[in-house]
Structures are given as structure tokens and as C-alpha cells.
Amino acid sequence: MGLFGIIGTERENLASAVYYGLYALQHRGQESAGIVVNDDGIFRQHKNTGLVGDVFDRNAMEHLAEGEIAIGHCRYGTLGTKGVANAEPIVVNHIKGRLALATDGRLVNATQLRHELELSGMIFHTSSDAEIISYVITKERLSAPSIEEAVNRAMNTLRGGYCLLLMSPRKMIAVRDENGLHPLCYGRRENGEYVVATESCALDTVGASFIREILPGEIVVFGVDGSVNSITDHCGKKPNALCIFEYFYTARPDSVISDRSVQAARAAAGALLARAYPVEADVVVGVPDSGLDAALGYAEESGIPYGIGLIKNKYIGRTFIAPGQSVREDKVKIKLNPVSAAVKGKRVVLVDDSIVRGTTCARIVKLLRSAGATEIHLRSSAPKFLYPCYYGTDIDSRENHIACKHTVEEIARIVGADTLGFLPLEDVRRIACGSSCSGFCTACFDGEYPTEAPVKCVNKFDNKISESEG
């Protein structure tokens, strides 16, 4: 999921900046998008299912034309109900005022919190964690002297991997969970407007200079008067655990996360993969888009020429985050096409960013075979996925992980490859060499979670197990 917010000195065109920022973050979520603008305490919003360019037309942007603060969100859901009901940001009107909230990630105690809130009389209209978090914050706001103090108190209750972007009538607030599982940063434009974004590439898009990342556990408060204040009560309480999958797949290659170029990290993964699994071949081909940099790294390390063997249809979104297995399979069919001249009669090293379900790579191997490749040596620049992710990445139950049910040799046979190699687990942290982050979450590979696992909560009134969604 992508977060983008701006607080400005000028009242016009802030929504346009959010629009372009969300465009830059479209790779993080393709299910829905939304923008809320604060016009002197009046909140105007527009959100719907679909891509950013489809959700916001001229009429929508004119409706959002003026205001001093604006926040936006592009979403991909990981569980439960899909559709406009779960689109963000959400707007809450409460006795102390108004609040708009956008989230990234998931809570591990969402089910428990929702159950407790329902027992206290709260009524839910969505299945998202965002609504749960908004209720927790507004409940704290009843006694807290400020919205930022309410957020500070709410963090004592929230567990999991999350980033929050909030807007009140006079403030924009950015929050990162205590482990720092997901990235969040801020910058400044020449006219003095502050910008918050999930990734640095979105700052570049709107001409904002990067200042720094939000620290794990930090609350940064931006005022309409130009002030910036930091609350660090929750900083340093837990080990850093940035999601390593940001470097493998999630983030855009032109982003910098914890002082480490995503593109450089992916190239390093490819080089490490070449050392671990060398092979005699004629060409190295990357799977667009996130496998390309790893393929370049593999080619440079191995000395095997790099070639463009697959062309991506730029109008098809990411298959990994498409909602539903059947939708993923349909998208794979029209997403890629082989370049026969690059692979015909050749031994091909095919580098993909990861292999989770095996859906995509099996189709790609078949495409390259039909284009005349004589051998296909499949390489994954990520290790084997063996455990589910509880923090917002759609790596679900072990039953859907192909590596949980089959050996490497069996997977190669299933997907149609001659050989198969995964990045060794011991090399995972080496791809982030040079990063300022002191620790990473690698739980989807090794099962070492930085937080407790989610606990389902049984409703004593109907004996149903409730489930919430990030």
C-alpha cells in the first residue's frame, strides 16, 4: 500500500501533488485509490476502486481543488472483502473534531481489538485495519490533550507492522511502527511544503527534496504554520525489522530505503545468486520489472551476456498483488511476451525476483520454450518462501507456498525448468549491505517473526471467528 501526503503554504493544487505522488506509488497497490483534502477544517474526499488514473478524473480533481493539507492512499488488500468499502483514506467525525487516516501494513492484534471495540458499542462498516485504528485513536482522543498525544497513546495498543498518515483540521501526522517494518519518509519542496511518502521515488515525482526517513516508533507532526515536531516515546523500544522484501520486490528500483538503493540491492542479489548457482549458458534474461536488476547483477558476476528476452505489456499491473489466484493467472497470460531472436536456440538463465506460488514462473518458462530456448535455468533472487507474512505482504498460508510442498528439484520439474536455484538464506542480509537499518524482517523465509503472531478471537455471542484485513 502507498501513502502520500502534503501540507502546504498554498491552497491550490495540493490534490494534484497527491495525485502524482500516488501515481509514483501505484506499484504498491492497484485495488483502489483515494484522496482527502482539508479546506480550512472542511474535509472533501474522493475514492474508488481501480488505478489512480481511472479513479480521479477532471471532475474529481476540481472537487478537491483547494485546501492546505491533502493525503492519499493506493491500496492492495490481503484478506477479506474487496471493493470501495475498504478504500482509504477513511474520514471519521468525532466529538473532538475530524480525522482522516490512511494506512500501510497490518496489525497482528486487529481481531482482538475489533472484538473489544464491538463489545464497547462500536459499529464497523469495513473489514480493514484502518477503521480499527481510527476507532482506537478517536477513543484515546476523548481524554488526550491533542491528536498527536492520542496517536501516541494508541501506539501502546497497536501491534504489528504499520505506517499511518493522519490529517486533522490543523495538522498532518506521520507514524511508523516500533519495529519499522514498512518504509516511510518525508521531504520538502522549494515553496516550503512538506511531503510524506512511503518511498523516496514519490518525493522526486513532485519535486521534493528528501530530508529523512521516519524512525521506527516515531510520530512526526507537521503543522499548517510550517512547524515540524517529533515524538519519540516509542523509538528504540524494539529491534529494527525493515521488511527485506522491499528490496526484492515491493519498492520501486529508483527508491532509496535506509540509505540503500533498491536497484543496487537487487543487482547485489543477482551477483550473489550467480556465485551460489553458476551454470553454463548463452544469455541471462530477467523477468520484468523487478527481476531485471537481479538479472543484470547475475550477468555481470557470471560473465554471461545479458539479453532482453521478455517484453512486458505496460498496461498490465503487478500479478503478485492482483486480488485472487484466477485474476493473477489471467494477467500472466497477457502480461509478458518472449523475444524469440534473443532466446531461440540458446541456453537461458531466467532470473525472477521470487517464487511464491509458482504461477508466474511456470507460464514464463513455457513461453520461452515456445520461443525456442533449448535450456532454461531458473533462478530466484529471493530465498524460498516457507512462512506466511502477517504484516501486509500477500504471502499467505503455507499451503499456497510451492516450496513448502516440494523440493527444489520437484519445483523445477513442475514449472518446466532444467535447473532451479534460490538465493541462499545466509545471503539475504548481504543484499542490504550499506543500509543504515540495523535489522530486517526475514520471517517469510526463516519464520523468525519480530512480533507475536495473530490470534483469532471467537465471538462468544455467535461462536464465529472474526477476521480483519490490512
Protein backbone atom coordinates (compact mmCIF):
# COMPACT_ATOMS: atom_id res chain seq x y z
CA MET A 1 0.00 0.00 0.00
CA GLY A 2 1.15 3.51 -0.74
CA LEU A 3 0.83 6.63 1.41
CA PHE A 4 1.33 10.20 0.25
CA GLY A 5 0.55 13.47 1.99
CA ILE A 6 1.35 17.15 1.66
CA ILE A 7 0.85 20.17 3.87
CA GLY A 8 1.23 23.45 2.09
CA THR A 9 1.69 27.16 2.09
CA GLU A 10 -0.51 27.47 -0.99
CA ARG A 11 -4.16 26.49 -1.01
CA GLU A 12 -4.36 25.35 -4.62
CA ASN A 13 -3.25 22.17 -6.37
CA LEU A 14 -2.24 20.13 -3.31
CA ALA A 15 -4.53 17.36 -4.53
CA SER A 16 -2.67 17.38 -7.85
CA ALA A 17 0.59 16.76 -5.99
CA VAL A 18 -1.03 13.84 -4.15
CA TYR A 19 -2.34 12.51 -7.47
CA TYR A 20 1.16 12.45 -8.96
CA GLY A 21 2.60 11.03 -5.75
CA LEU A 22 0.12 8.16 -5.81
CA TYR A 23 0.96 7.56 -9.46
CA ALA A 24 4.57 7.07 -8.39
CA LEU A 25 3.39 4.59 -5.74
CA GLN A 26 0.92 2.73 -7.96
CA HIS A 27 3.14 -0.37 -7.86
CA ARG A 28 2.29 -0.75 -4.15
CA GLY A 29 -1.46 -1.13 -4.67
CA GLN A 30 -3.81 -1.45 -7.61
CA GLU A 31 -7.13 -2.27 -5.97
CA SER A 32 -8.33 1.22 -5.01
CA ALA A 33 -7.19 4.80 -4.52
CA GLY A 34 -8.38 7.84 -2.60
CA ILE A 35 -7.56 11.44 -1.69
CA VAL A 36 -8.89 13.59 1.15
CA VAL A 37 -8.33 17.37 1.17
CA ASN A 38 -8.63 19.61 4.22
CA ASP A 39 -10.01 23.02 3.26
CA ASP A 40 -9.92 25.06 6.48
CA GLY A 41 -11.38 22.21 8.51
CA ILE A 42 -13.79 21.03 5.81
CA PHE A 43 -12.80 17.57 4.54
CA ARG A 44 -13.57 16.72 0.92
CA GLN A 45 -12.80 13.26 -0.40
CA HIS A 46 -12.92 11.07 -3.45
CA LYS A 47 -12.06 7.38 -3.59
CA ASN A 48 -13.00 4.35 -5.64
CA THR A 49 -11.75 1.01 -6.86
CA GLY A 50 -9.27 0.98 -9.72
CA LEU A 51 -5.96 2.55 -10.66
CA VAL A 52 -5.10 6.13 -9.77
CA GLY A 53 -5.59 7.36 -13.32
CA ASP A 54 -9.03 5.76 -13.51
CA VAL A 55 -10.28 6.86 -10.08
CA PHE A 56 -9.52 10.56 -10.49
CA ASP A 57 -11.00 12.36 -13.48
CA ARG A 58 -11.30 16.12 -14.05
CA ASN A 59 -14.49 16.44 -12.01
CA ALA A 60 -12.93 14.62 -9.06
CA MET A 61 -9.85 16.82 -9.12
CA GLU A 62 -11.92 20.00 -9.34
CA HIS A 63 -13.86 18.82 -6.28
CA LEU A 64 -10.53 18.52 -4.43
CA ALA A 65 -9.02 21.70 -5.83
CA GLU A 66 -8.43 23.79 -2.70
CA GLY A 67 -7.06 23.07 0.76
CA GLU A 68 -4.00 23.38 2.97
CA ILE A 69 -3.50 19.65 3.68
CA ALA A 70 -4.11 16.60 1.49
CA ILE A 71 -3.42 12.89 2.00
CA GLY A 72 -3.84 9.96 -0.38
CA HIS A 73 -3.68 6.18 -0.50
CA CYS A 74 -3.42 3.40 -3.05
CA ARG A 75 -4.39 0.02 -1.74
CA TYR A 76 -3.99 -3.64 -2.25
CA GLY A 77 -5.95 -5.84 0.11
CA THR A 78 -4.55 -9.01 1.60
CA LEU A 79 -7.65 -10.62 3.10
CA GLY A 80 -11.41 -10.50 3.08
CA THR A 81 -13.69 -8.05 1.35
CA LYS A 82 -12.54 -6.20 -1.75
CA GLY A 83 -14.15 -3.06 -3.08
CA VAL A 84 -14.82 0.58 -2.41
CA ALA A 85 -15.93 0.00 1.20
CA ASN A 86 -12.32 -0.67 2.18
CA ALA A 87 -10.82 2.12 0.08
CA GLU A 88 -8.77 4.67 2.00
CA PRO A 89 -8.24 7.25 3.39
CA ILE A 90 -11.16 6.95 5.77
CA VAL A 91 -12.76 10.01 7.37
CA VAL A 92 -14.08 9.99 10.94
CA ASN A 93 -16.17 12.69 12.53
CA HIS A 94 -16.00 12.56 16.33
CA ILE A 95 -16.81 14.76 19.29
CA LYS A 96 -13.36 16.40 19.26
CA GLY A 97 -13.35 17.11 15.51
CA ARG A 98 -12.44 15.34 12.27
CA LEU A 99 -9.79 12.82 11.35
CA ALA A 100 -8.67 11.33 8.03
CA LEU A 101 -6.49 8.23 8.11
CA ALA A 102 -4.55 6.16 5.59
CA THR A 103 -2.59 3.02 6.50
CA ASP A 104 0.09 0.69 5.20
CA GLY A 105 0.59 -2.80 6.61
CA ARG A 106 -1.38 -4.97 9.01
CA LEU A 107 -1.95 -5.35 12.72
CA VAL A 108 -1.38 -8.73 14.33
CA ASN A 109 -3.89 -7.92 17.08
CA ALA A 110 -6.57 -6.49 14.77
CA THR A 111 -9.07 -9.25 15.50
CA GLN A 112 -8.72 -8.80 19.25
CA LEU A 113 -9.03 -5.00 19.03
CA ARG A 114 -12.07 -5.21 16.79
CA HIS A 115 -13.75 -7.65 19.14
CA GLU A 116 -13.14 -5.39 22.13
CA LEU A 117 -14.38 -2.33 20.25
CA GLU A 118 -17.54 -4.11 19.09
CA LEU A 119 -18.28 -5.14 22.68
CA SER A 120 -17.98 -1.47 23.68
CA GLY A 121 -20.60 -0.49 21.09
CA MET A 122 -18.52 0.42 18.03
CA ILE A 123 -20.12 -0.36 14.66
CA PHE A 124 -17.85 -1.33 11.76
CA HIS A 125 -18.56 -0.63 8.10
CA THR A 126 -15.38 -2.18 6.65
CA SER A 127 -13.13 -5.18 7.19
CA SER A 128 -9.96 -3.08 7.19
CA ASP A 129 -7.42 -2.39 9.91
CA ALA A 130 -7.76 1.32 9.12
CA GLU A 131 -11.19 1.52 10.71
CA ILE A 132 -9.96 -0.31 13.81
CA ILE A 133 -7.02 2.06 14.15
CA SER A 134 -9.24 5.12 13.66
CA TYR A 135 -11.53 3.96 16.49
CA VAL A 136 -8.59 3.32 18.81
CA ILE A 137 -7.22 6.81 18.13
CA THR A 138 -10.56 8.60 18.49
CA LYS A 139 -11.23 6.73 21.72
CA GLU A 140 -7.92 8.00 23.10
CA ARG A 141 -8.69 11.48 21.78
CA LEU A 142 -11.59 11.81 24.22
CA SER A 143 -9.12 12.31 27.07
CA ALA A 144 -5.90 13.28 25.26
CA PRO A 145 -5.00 17.00 25.03
CA SER A 146 -4.09 16.74 21.32
CA ILE A 147 -4.45 14.46 18.33
CA GLU A 148 -0.75 13.59 18.40
CA GLU A 149 -0.98 12.56 22.05
CA ALA A 150 -3.99 10.40 21.17
CA VAL A 151 -1.89 8.70 18.49
CA ASN A 152 0.97 8.31 20.97
CA ARG A 153 -1.35 6.57 23.44
CA ALA A 154 -2.92 4.43 20.69
CA MET A 155 0.50 3.03 19.80
CA ASN A 156 0.56 1.34 23.19
CA THR A 157 -2.31 -0.79 21.90
CA LEU A 158 -1.40 -1.35 18.25
CA ARG A 159 0.74 -4.39 17.40
CA GLY A 160 2.18 -5.35 14.04
CA GLY A 161 3.71 -3.71 11.01
CA TYR A 162 2.08 -0.42 10.11
CA CYS A 163 2.63 3.10 8.86
CA LEU A 164 -0.04 5.73 9.39
CA LEU A 165 -0.72 9.06 7.70
CA LEU A 166 -3.30 11.18 9.51
CA MET A 167 -4.86 14.55 8.91
CA SER A 168 -6.67 16.74 11.43
CA PRO A 169 -8.00 20.25 10.74
CA ARG A 170 -4.59 21.81 11.54
CA LYS A 171 -2.02 19.01 11.32
CA MET A 172 -0.63 16.17 9.23
CA ILE A 173 0.86 13.31 11.22
CA ALA A 174 3.16 10.51 10.02
CA VAL A 175 3.65 7.37 12.13
CA ARG A 176 5.84 4.29 11.82
CA ASP A 177 5.52 1.18 13.97
CA GLU A 178 8.11 0.39 16.62
CA ASN A 179 9.90 -2.24 14.50
CA GLY A 180 9.89 -0.09 11.37
CA LEU A 181 8.58 -2.94 9.21
CA HIS A 182 7.47 -0.66 6.37
CA PRO A 183 9.28 2.40 4.98
CA LEU A 184 8.10 6.00 5.38
CA CYS A 185 9.98 9.22 4.66
CA TYR A 186 9.47 12.93 4.24
CA GLY A 187 10.89 15.82 2.26
CA ARG A 188 10.31 19.44 1.40
CA ARG A 189 9.52 21.39 -1.75
CA GLU A 190 11.14 24.71 -2.60
CA ASN A 191 7.99 26.61 -1.60
CA GLY A 192 8.20 25.17 1.93
CA GLU A 193 5.53 22.46 1.58
CA TYR A 194 6.31 19.26 3.48
CA VAL A 195 5.66 15.94 1.78
CA VAL A 196 5.34 12.47 3.34
CA ALA A 197 5.59 9.34 1.20
CA THR A 198 6.08 5.60 1.52
CA GLU A 199 9.01 5.72 -0.89
CA SER A 200 11.51 8.38 -1.91
CA CYS A 201 10.62 7.99 -5.60
CA ALA A 202 7.29 9.73 -4.87
CA LEU A 203 9.13 12.71 -3.39
CA ASP A 204 11.13 13.00 -6.60
CA THR A 205 7.94 12.99 -8.65
CA VAL A 206 6.62 16.18 -7.02
CA GLY A 207 9.98 17.95 -6.81
CA ALA A 208 10.51 17.49 -3.08
CA SER A 209 13.99 17.11 -1.63
CA PHE A 210 14.44 14.10 0.64
CA ILE A 211 15.03 15.07 4.27
CA ARG A 212 14.99 11.77 6.14
CA GLU A 213 13.08 8.61 6.96
CA ILE A 214 10.57 8.47 9.79
CA LEU A 215 12.26 6.48 12.56
CA PRO A 216 10.76 3.21 13.81
CA GLY A 217 8.29 4.17 16.54
CA GLU A 218 8.40 7.87 15.66
CA ILE A 219 5.47 10.27 15.33
CA VAL A 220 6.20 13.34 13.18
CA VAL A 221 3.71 16.21 13.39
CA PHE A 222 3.53 18.79 10.58
CA GLY A 223 1.59 21.99 11.32
CA VAL A 224 -0.10 24.35 8.88
CA ASP A 225 2.17 27.03 10.38
CA GLY A 226 5.21 25.23 8.92
CA SER A 227 6.28 23.59 12.17
CA VAL A 228 7.69 20.07 12.36
CA ASN A 229 7.77 18.23 15.69
CA SER A 230 8.91 14.73 16.54
CA ILE A 231 7.60 12.46 19.30
CA THR A 232 10.00 9.62 20.07
CA ASP A 233 8.38 7.97 23.09
CA HIS A 234 8.14 4.68 21.18
CA CYS A 235 11.55 4.82 19.49
CA GLY A 236 14.23 2.31 20.43
CA LYS A 237 11.86 0.03 22.31
CA LYS A 238 12.06 -2.83 19.83
CA PRO A 239 14.67 -4.12 17.35
CA ASN A 240 14.55 -2.72 13.83
CA ALA A 241 12.89 -5.13 11.42
CA LEU A 242 12.51 -3.50 8.00
CA CYS A 243 10.78 -5.88 5.56
CA ILE A 244 13.58 -7.27 3.39
CA PHE A 245 11.03 -7.93 0.63
CA GLU A 246 11.03 -4.17 -0.04
CA TYR A 247 14.42 -4.68 -1.67
CA PHE A 248 13.48 -7.84 -3.54
CA TYR A 249 10.12 -6.82 -4.96
CA THR A 250 7.86 -4.28 -3.27
CA ALA A 251 9.72 -0.98 -3.72
CA ARG A 252 10.46 0.79 -6.98
CA PRO A 253 14.10 0.39 -8.09
CA ASP A 254 14.69 4.17 -8.15
CA SER A 255 13.78 4.46 -4.47
CA VAL A 256 16.31 4.62 -1.65
CA ILE A 257 15.37 2.86 1.59
CA SER A 258 17.53 3.22 4.70
CA ASP A 259 20.28 4.78 2.58
CA ARG A 260 20.39 1.73 0.30
CA SER A 261 19.45 1.96 -3.37
CA VAL A 262 16.79 -0.61 -4.18
CA GLN A 263 18.29 -1.07 -7.64
CA ALA A 264 21.73 -1.74 -6.17
CA ALA A 265 20.27 -4.22 -3.67
CA ARG A 266 18.62 -6.19 -6.47
CA ALA A 267 21.81 -6.22 -8.53
CA ALA A 268 23.68 -7.49 -5.48
CA ALA A 269 21.13 -10.29 -5.08
CA GLY A 270 21.74 -11.33 -8.69
CA ALA A 271 25.50 -11.37 -8.18
CA LEU A 272 25.18 -13.49 -5.03
CA LEU A 273 22.86 -15.83 -6.91
CA ALA A 274 25.45 -16.25 -9.69
CA ARG A 275 28.07 -17.24 -7.14
CA ALA A 276 25.75 -19.72 -5.44
CA TYR A 277 24.31 -21.29 -8.61
CA PRO A 278 26.65 -20.94 -11.60
CA VAL A 279 25.68 -22.56 -14.87
CA GLU A 280 26.89 -22.70 -18.46
CA ALA A 281 24.52 -20.63 -20.58
CA ASP A 282 24.32 -18.25 -23.51
CA VAL A 283 22.13 -15.44 -22.19
CA VAL A 284 20.72 -14.08 -18.94
CA VAL A 285 17.11 -12.87 -19.10
CA GLY A 286 15.26 -11.00 -16.36
CA VAL A 287 11.53 -11.15 -15.68
CA PRO A 288 10.17 -7.59 -15.93
CA ASP A 289 10.17 -5.48 -13.93
CA SER A 290 11.65 -6.38 -10.55
CA GLY A 291 13.73 -9.26 -11.91
CA LEU A 292 15.65 -7.10 -14.40
CA ASP A 293 18.18 -5.61 -11.99
CA ALA A 294 18.89 -9.00 -10.44
CA ALA A 295 19.44 -10.40 -13.94
CA LEU A 296 21.95 -7.65 -14.66
CA GLY A 297 23.76 -8.49 -11.45
CA TYR A 298 23.82 -12.16 -12.38
CA ALA A 299 25.13 -11.39 -15.87
CA GLU A 300 27.90 -9.09 -14.62
CA GLU A 301 29.05 -11.57 -11.99
CA SER A 302 28.90 -14.63 -14.27
CA GLY A 303 30.18 -13.05 -17.47
CA ILE A 304 27.18 -14.41 -19.40
CA PRO A 305 25.68 -11.79 -21.75
CA TYR A 306 22.50 -10.04 -20.63
CA GLY A 307 19.60 -10.04 -23.07
CA ILE A 308 16.07 -8.69 -23.30
CA GLY A 309 14.13 -11.91 -23.67
CA LEU A 310 10.74 -10.80 -22.38
CA ILE A 311 8.64 -7.76 -23.17
CA LYS A 312 6.09 -6.60 -20.64
CA ASN A 313 2.72 -5.17 -21.52
CA LYS A 314 2.93 -1.85 -19.68
CA TYR A 315 -0.83 -1.70 -19.27
CA ILE A 316 -0.95 -4.76 -17.02
CA GLY A 317 -0.34 -4.32 -13.30
CA ARG A 318 1.69 -6.48 -10.96
CA THR A 319 0.43 -10.06 -10.88
CA PHE A 320 1.75 -10.78 -7.38
CA ILE A 321 -0.57 -8.21 -5.79
CA ALA A 322 -3.56 -8.83 -8.04
CA PRO A 323 -6.58 -9.88 -5.92
CA GLY A 324 -7.26 -13.60 -6.33
CA GLN A 325 -5.40 -16.51 -7.91
CA SER A 326 -7.57 -16.69 -11.06
CA VAL A 327 -7.01 -12.99 -11.71
CA ARG A 328 -3.26 -13.48 -11.33
CA GLU A 329 -3.27 -16.31 -13.83
CA ASP A 330 -5.28 -14.31 -16.37
CA LYS A 331 -2.91 -11.37 -16.05
CA VAL A 332 0.17 -13.53 -16.54
CA LYS A 333 -1.26 -14.73 -19.85
CA ILE A 334 -1.29 -11.25 -21.33
CA LYS A 335 1.46 -9.58 -19.31
CA LEU A 336 4.59 -10.97 -20.98
CA ASN A 337 5.70 -11.95 -24.46
CA PRO A 338 9.05 -13.54 -25.40
CA VAL A 339 11.58 -12.07 -27.81
CA SER A 340 12.36 -15.08 -29.98
CA ALA A 341 15.51 -13.59 -31.50
CA ALA A 342 17.06 -13.26 -28.04
CA VAL A 343 16.39 -16.82 -26.83
CA LYS A 344 15.91 -19.11 -29.86
CA GLY A 345 18.46 -21.92 -29.85
CA LYS A 346 20.05 -20.64 -26.63
CA ARG A 347 20.63 -21.81 -23.10
CA VAL A 348 18.81 -19.26 -20.97
CA VAL A 349 19.31 -18.22 -17.36
CA LEU A 350 15.91 -16.84 -16.32
CA VAL A 351 16.06 -14.59 -13.23
CA ASP A 352 12.87 -13.75 -11.36
CA ASP A 353 12.54 -11.70 -8.18
CA SER A 354 10.85 -14.51 -6.25
CA ILE A 355 8.82 -17.70 -6.49
CA VAL A 356 5.88 -17.97 -4.11
CA ARG A 357 3.02 -19.90 -5.71
CA GLY A 358 4.82 -20.89 -8.93
CA THR A 359 2.03 -19.45 -11.11
CA THR A 360 4.02 -16.83 -12.94
CA CYS A 361 7.30 -18.64 -13.48
CA ALA A 362 5.66 -21.77 -14.92
CA ARG A 363 3.92 -19.65 -17.53
CA ILE A 364 7.13 -17.76 -18.37
CA VAL A 365 9.18 -20.93 -18.74
CA LYS A 366 6.56 -22.24 -21.14
CA LEU A 367 6.69 -19.00 -23.13
CA LEU A 368 10.46 -19.20 -23.50
CA ARG A 369 10.28 -22.86 -24.52
CA SER A 370 7.78 -21.96 -27.23
CA ALA A 371 10.13 -19.20 -28.39
CA GLY A 372 12.90 -21.74 -28.99
CA ALA A 373 15.02 -21.75 -25.80
CA THR A 374 16.92 -25.03 -25.62
CA GLU A 375 17.58 -24.92 -21.88
CA ILE A 376 16.05 -22.80 -19.10
CA HIS A 377 17.87 -22.40 -15.81
CA LEU A 378 15.52 -20.64 -13.44
CA ARG A 379 16.98 -18.52 -10.66
CA SER A 380 15.11 -16.73 -7.87
CA SER A 381 16.79 -13.64 -6.40
CA ALA A 382 14.88 -14.30 -3.16
CA PRO A 383 15.12 -17.40 -0.95
CA LYS A 384 12.36 -19.99 -0.69
CA PHE A 385 9.16 -18.66 0.86
CA LEU A 386 8.30 -21.02 3.70
CA TYR A 387 6.19 -18.95 6.11
CA PRO A 388 3.26 -16.53 5.85
CA CYS A 389 3.63 -12.77 6.25
CA TYR A 390 1.46 -11.14 8.92
CA TYR A 391 2.44 -7.55 8.14
CA GLY A 392 0.78 -6.66 4.85
CA THR A 393 2.57 -8.58 2.10
CA ASP A 394 0.34 -11.09 0.32
CA ILE A 395 2.39 -14.13 1.26
CA ASP A 396 -0.34 -16.14 2.88
CA SER A 397 -0.69 -19.61 4.37
CA ARG A 398 2.00 -22.24 3.89
CA GLU A 399 -0.39 -24.39 1.86
CA ASN A 400 -0.04 -21.90 -1.02
CA HIS A 401 3.78 -21.85 -0.92
CA ILE A 402 5.16 -24.19 -3.54
CA ALA A 403 8.44 -24.56 -1.61
CA CYS A 404 6.56 -25.89 1.42
CA LYS A 405 5.25 -28.86 -0.51
CA HIS A 406 8.05 -29.68 -2.93
CA THR A 407 11.83 -29.98 -3.11
CA VAL A 408 13.84 -27.70 -5.37
CA GLU A 409 14.14 -30.49 -7.94
CA GLU A 410 10.39 -31.10 -7.85
CA ILE A 411 9.63 -27.40 -8.26
CA ALA A 412 11.94 -27.24 -11.28
CA ARG A 413 10.08 -30.17 -12.82
CA ILE A 414 6.66 -28.63 -12.03
CA VAL A 415 7.48 -25.27 -13.62
CA GLY A 416 9.33 -26.87 -16.54
CA ALA A 417 12.86 -25.60 -15.84
CA ASP A 418 16.05 -27.61 -16.38
CA THR A 419 17.55 -26.37 -13.11
CA LEU A 420 16.44 -24.10 -10.30
CA GLY A 421 18.27 -22.09 -7.67
CA PHE A 422 17.07 -19.85 -4.85
CA LEU A 423 19.17 -17.15 -3.20
CA PRO A 424 20.73 -18.80 -0.13
CA LEU A 425 19.16 -17.68 3.13
CA GLU A 426 22.56 -16.71 4.54
CA ASP A 427 22.94 -14.16 1.72
CA VAL A 428 19.67 -12.33 2.36
CA ARG A 429 21.04 -9.59 4.59
CA ARG A 430 24.07 -9.12 2.35
CA ILE A 431 21.92 -7.53 -0.35
CA ALA A 432 21.25 -4.64 2.06
CA CYS A 433 24.96 -4.03 2.64
CA GLY A 434 25.40 -0.30 3.14
CA SER A 435 21.92 0.19 4.53
CA SER A 436 21.61 2.31 7.67
CA CYS A 437 18.99 -0.10 9.03
CA SER A 438 20.29 -2.25 11.86
CA GLY A 439 17.87 -5.15 11.38
CA PHE A 440 15.46 -6.73 8.91
CA CYS A 441 12.37 -8.91 8.95
CA THR A 442 13.07 -12.15 7.08
CA ALA A 443 10.20 -14.10 8.65
CA CYS A 444 8.71 -15.24 5.33
CA PHE A 445 11.98 -17.10 4.71
CA ASP A 446 13.02 -18.28 8.17
CA GLY A 447 9.94 -17.99 10.44
CA GLU A 448 11.67 -15.55 12.83
CA TYR A 449 8.89 -13.01 13.42
CA PRO A 450 9.64 -9.67 15.12
CA THR A 451 6.18 -9.63 16.78
CA GLU A 452 3.73 -12.14 18.13
CA ALA A 453 1.63 -14.00 15.56
CA PRO A 454 -2.03 -13.02 15.02
CA VAL A 455 -4.56 -14.60 17.38
CA LYS A 456 -8.06 -15.21 16.13
CA CYS A 457 -10.80 -14.13 18.52
CA VAL A 458 -14.01 -16.12 19.00
CA ASN A 459 -17.14 -14.03 19.42
CA LYS A 460 -18.83 -15.52 22.46
CA PHE A 461 -22.26 -14.46 21.18
CA ASP A 462 -22.23 -16.37 17.88
CA ASN A 463 -19.06 -18.53 18.13
CA LYS A 464 -17.76 -17.08 14.86
CA ILE A 465 -14.11 -16.36 14.34
CA SER A 466 -13.72 -12.73 13.30
CA GLU A 467 -11.08 -11.69 10.78
CA SER A 468 -9.88 -8.23 9.87
CA GLU A 469 -7.95 -7.05 6.89
CA GLY A 470 -4.98 -4.83 6.28
